């Protein structure tokens, strides 16, 4: 077993020991083959031991990335020529809600504490993005879209 896989100057944590054991066992299985396998296993070890920076759950300052990304509960229905979405985003301040609308897409982002609520809806019909209304009360966001009738802009075919 080649001990050069790990730097002797650095202490090994539990993850290093786990990876070291797996690599050692695999190398012992392949010991009768070419030394090329040693190089491959060292490369795998170097790629595997990458530690992420620690993140604390408390004390996250504003502007940092939220720790939790959540799809909020929502309901959607048609009311006549209007498409309505009601989204539950409890505890979010009104100024932390961002919405965008295209003719066939609805985008919502809302943040509070360490949580980001994210909702992207591909609509299977077209809406008028300039006719969107939204109302936010007690953690419920109600968004209403005017549905476009595709035949309104259709070409009238004359009959001969």
Protein backbone atom coordinates (compact mmCIF):
# COMPACT_ATOMS: atom_id res chain seq x y z
CA UNK A 1 0.00 0.00 0.00
CA UNK A 2 1.39 3.37 -0.99
CA UNK A 3 0.98 5.79 1.92
CA UNK A 4 1.84 8.76 -0.33
CA UNK A 5 -1.86 9.22 -1.10
CA UNK A 6 -2.33 11.44 1.93
CA UNK A 7 -0.13 14.24 3.17
CA UNK A 8 1.38 13.22 6.53
CA UNK A 9 1.50 16.87 7.66
CA UNK A 10 -2.29 17.30 7.60
CA UNK A 11 -4.54 15.68 10.22
CA UNK A 12 -7.15 13.31 8.81
CA UNK A 13 -10.81 13.91 9.61
CA UNK A 14 -13.58 11.28 9.45
CA UNK A 15 -14.24 11.91 5.78
CA UNK A 16 -10.52 11.58 4.93
CA UNK A 17 -10.37 8.28 6.85
CA UNK A 18 -13.45 6.98 5.04
CA UNK A 19 -12.03 7.88 1.63
CA UNK A 20 -8.58 6.58 2.57
CA UNK A 21 -10.10 3.23 3.57
CA UNK A 22 -12.11 2.94 0.34
CA UNK A 23 -9.11 3.88 -1.80
CA UNK A 24 -6.81 1.50 0.12
CA UNK A 25 -9.25 -1.40 -0.26
CA UNK A 26 -9.68 -0.73 -3.97
CA UNK A 27 -5.91 -0.44 -4.47
CA UNK A 28 -5.27 -3.71 -2.65
CA UNK A 29 -7.77 -5.39 -4.98
CA UNK A 30 -5.87 -4.05 -7.98
CA UNK A 31 -2.37 -4.56 -6.55
CA UNK A 32 -1.39 -7.11 -9.18
CA UNK A 33 -2.02 -4.67 -12.03
CA UNK A 34 -0.05 -1.80 -13.47
CA UNK A 35 1.18 1.13 -11.31
CA UNK A 36 -1.06 3.30 -13.48
CA UNK A 37 -3.86 2.45 -11.08
CA UNK A 38 -1.94 4.19 -8.26
CA UNK A 39 -1.96 7.40 -10.26
CA UNK A 40 -5.67 7.08 -10.99
CA UNK A 41 -6.54 6.45 -7.35
CA UNK A 42 -4.45 9.42 -6.22
CA UNK A 43 -6.31 11.62 -8.70
CA UNK A 44 -9.65 10.34 -7.43
CA UNK A 45 -8.61 11.01 -3.84
CA UNK A 46 -7.53 14.54 -4.73
CA UNK A 47 -10.89 15.25 -6.36
CA UNK A 48 -12.92 13.66 -3.55
CA UNK A 49 -11.44 15.56 -0.62
CA UNK A 50 -12.86 19.00 -1.20
CA UNK A 51 -14.34 20.65 1.84
CA UNK A 52 -17.10 23.20 1.56
CA UNK A 53 -16.87 26.33 3.65
CA UNK A 54 -18.86 25.97 6.86
CA UNK A 55 -22.25 27.68 7.03
CA UNK A 56 -23.98 28.47 10.28
CA UNK A 57 -27.73 28.38 10.63
CA UNK A 58 -27.83 31.42 12.87
CA UNK A 59 -26.45 34.87 12.32
CA UNK A 60 -26.70 34.95 8.56
CA UNK A 61 -26.27 38.53 7.46
CA UNK A 62 -28.57 40.10 4.86
CA UNK A 63 -27.33 39.70 1.31
CA UNK A 64 -25.96 36.21 1.87
CA UNK A 65 -27.43 33.30 -0.02
CA UNK A 66 -30.34 31.72 1.85
CA UNK A 67 -29.72 28.29 3.34
CA UNK A 68 -33.06 26.80 2.34
CA UNK A 69 -34.72 26.97 -1.08
CA UNK A 70 -38.39 26.07 -0.85
CA UNK A 71 -41.18 25.72 -3.39
CA UNK A 72 -44.15 27.33 -1.67
CA UNK A 73 -47.61 25.77 -1.52
CA UNK A 74 -49.87 27.30 -4.13
CA UNK A 75 -53.23 26.92 -5.82
CA UNK A 76 -54.12 27.95 -9.35
CA UNK A 77 -57.49 28.17 -11.07
CA UNK A 78 -59.39 29.81 -13.90
CA UNK A 79 -62.13 32.31 -13.06
CA UNK A 80 -63.77 33.30 -16.32
CA UNK A 81 -61.09 34.88 -18.50
CA UNK A 82 -58.79 35.34 -15.50
CA UNK A 83 -56.05 32.98 -14.29
CA UNK A 84 -55.49 33.19 -10.52
CA UNK A 85 -52.57 31.91 -8.43
CA UNK A 86 -52.63 31.96 -4.64
CA UNK A 87 -49.24 31.36 -3.00
CA UNK A 88 -48.50 30.77 0.70
CA UNK A 89 -45.34 32.66 1.71
CA UNK A 90 -45.74 33.15 5.47
CA UNK A 91 -43.62 35.67 7.30
CA UNK A 92 -42.26 37.37 4.18
CA UNK A 93 -42.21 41.17 4.19
CA UNK A 94 -43.90 42.79 1.20
CA UNK A 95 -40.63 44.43 0.08
CA UNK A 96 -38.91 41.01 -0.09
CA UNK A 97 -41.28 39.70 -2.76
CA UNK A 98 -40.11 39.82 -6.38
CA UNK A 99 -42.36 38.78 -9.26
CA UNK A 100 -41.95 38.79 -13.02
CA UNK A 101 -44.34 37.79 -15.76
CA UNK A 102 -43.92 37.02 -19.44
CA UNK A 103 -46.62 36.01 -21.89
CA UNK A 104 -46.25 32.35 -20.88
CA UNK A 105 -44.17 32.37 -17.67
CA UNK A 106 -44.60 33.43 -14.05
CA UNK A 107 -41.56 33.91 -11.77
CA UNK A 108 -41.69 34.49 -7.99
CA UNK A 109 -38.92 34.89 -5.41
CA UNK A 110 -39.56 35.79 -1.77
CA UNK A 111 -37.07 35.76 1.12
CA UNK A 112 -37.32 35.68 4.87
CA UNK A 113 -34.69 34.74 7.44
CA UNK A 114 -32.69 31.86 5.89
CA UNK A 115 -35.46 30.77 3.49
CA UNK A 116 -35.97 31.61 -0.17
CA UNK A 117 -39.35 30.72 -1.63
CA UNK A 118 -39.08 30.12 -5.37
CA UNK A 119 -41.89 29.43 -7.83
CA UNK A 120 -41.53 29.28 -11.62
CA UNK A 121 -44.63 28.37 -13.59
CA UNK A 122 -44.67 27.68 -17.32
CA UNK A 123 -48.16 28.58 -18.42
CA UNK A 124 -49.71 26.57 -21.23
CA UNK A 125 -51.53 29.66 -22.47
CA UNK A 126 -50.65 33.32 -22.97
CA UNK A 127 -51.39 36.13 -20.55
CA UNK A 128 -51.08 39.89 -20.82
CA UNK A 129 -48.07 40.71 -18.59
CA UNK A 130 -49.22 44.34 -18.37
CA UNK A 131 -52.56 43.35 -16.85
CA UNK A 132 -51.25 41.43 -13.80
CA UNK A 133 -52.59 42.37 -10.37
CA UNK A 134 -51.24 41.16 -7.02
CA UNK A 135 -52.49 41.42 -3.44
CA UNK A 136 -50.57 40.28 -0.35
CA UNK A 137 -52.32 39.76 3.00
CA UNK A 138 -51.39 37.67 6.03
CA UNK A 139 -48.85 35.49 4.24
CA UNK A 140 -51.02 34.81 1.17
CA UNK A 141 -50.13 36.30 -2.20
CA UNK A 142 -52.94 36.37 -4.75
CA UNK A 143 -51.90 37.07 -8.33
CA UNK A 144 -54.44 37.44 -11.13
CA UNK A 145 -53.60 37.39 -14.84
CA UNK A 146 -55.81 38.28 -17.75
CA UNK A 147 -55.75 35.37 -20.16
CA UNK A 148 -55.29 36.29 -23.80
CA UNK A 149 -57.62 34.77 -26.32
CA UNK A 150 -55.40 33.55 -29.17
CA UNK A 151 -58.19 34.18 -31.68
CA UNK A 152 -58.29 37.93 -30.88
CA UNK A 153 -55.23 38.50 -33.07
CA UNK A 154 -56.05 35.79 -35.60
CA UNK A 155 -56.39 36.48 -39.30
CA UNK A 156 -59.94 36.36 -40.62
CA UNK A 157 -60.01 34.06 -43.60
CA UNK A 158 -62.33 35.30 -46.34
CA UNK A 159 -64.66 32.83 -48.02
CA UNK A 160 -64.90 33.00 -51.83
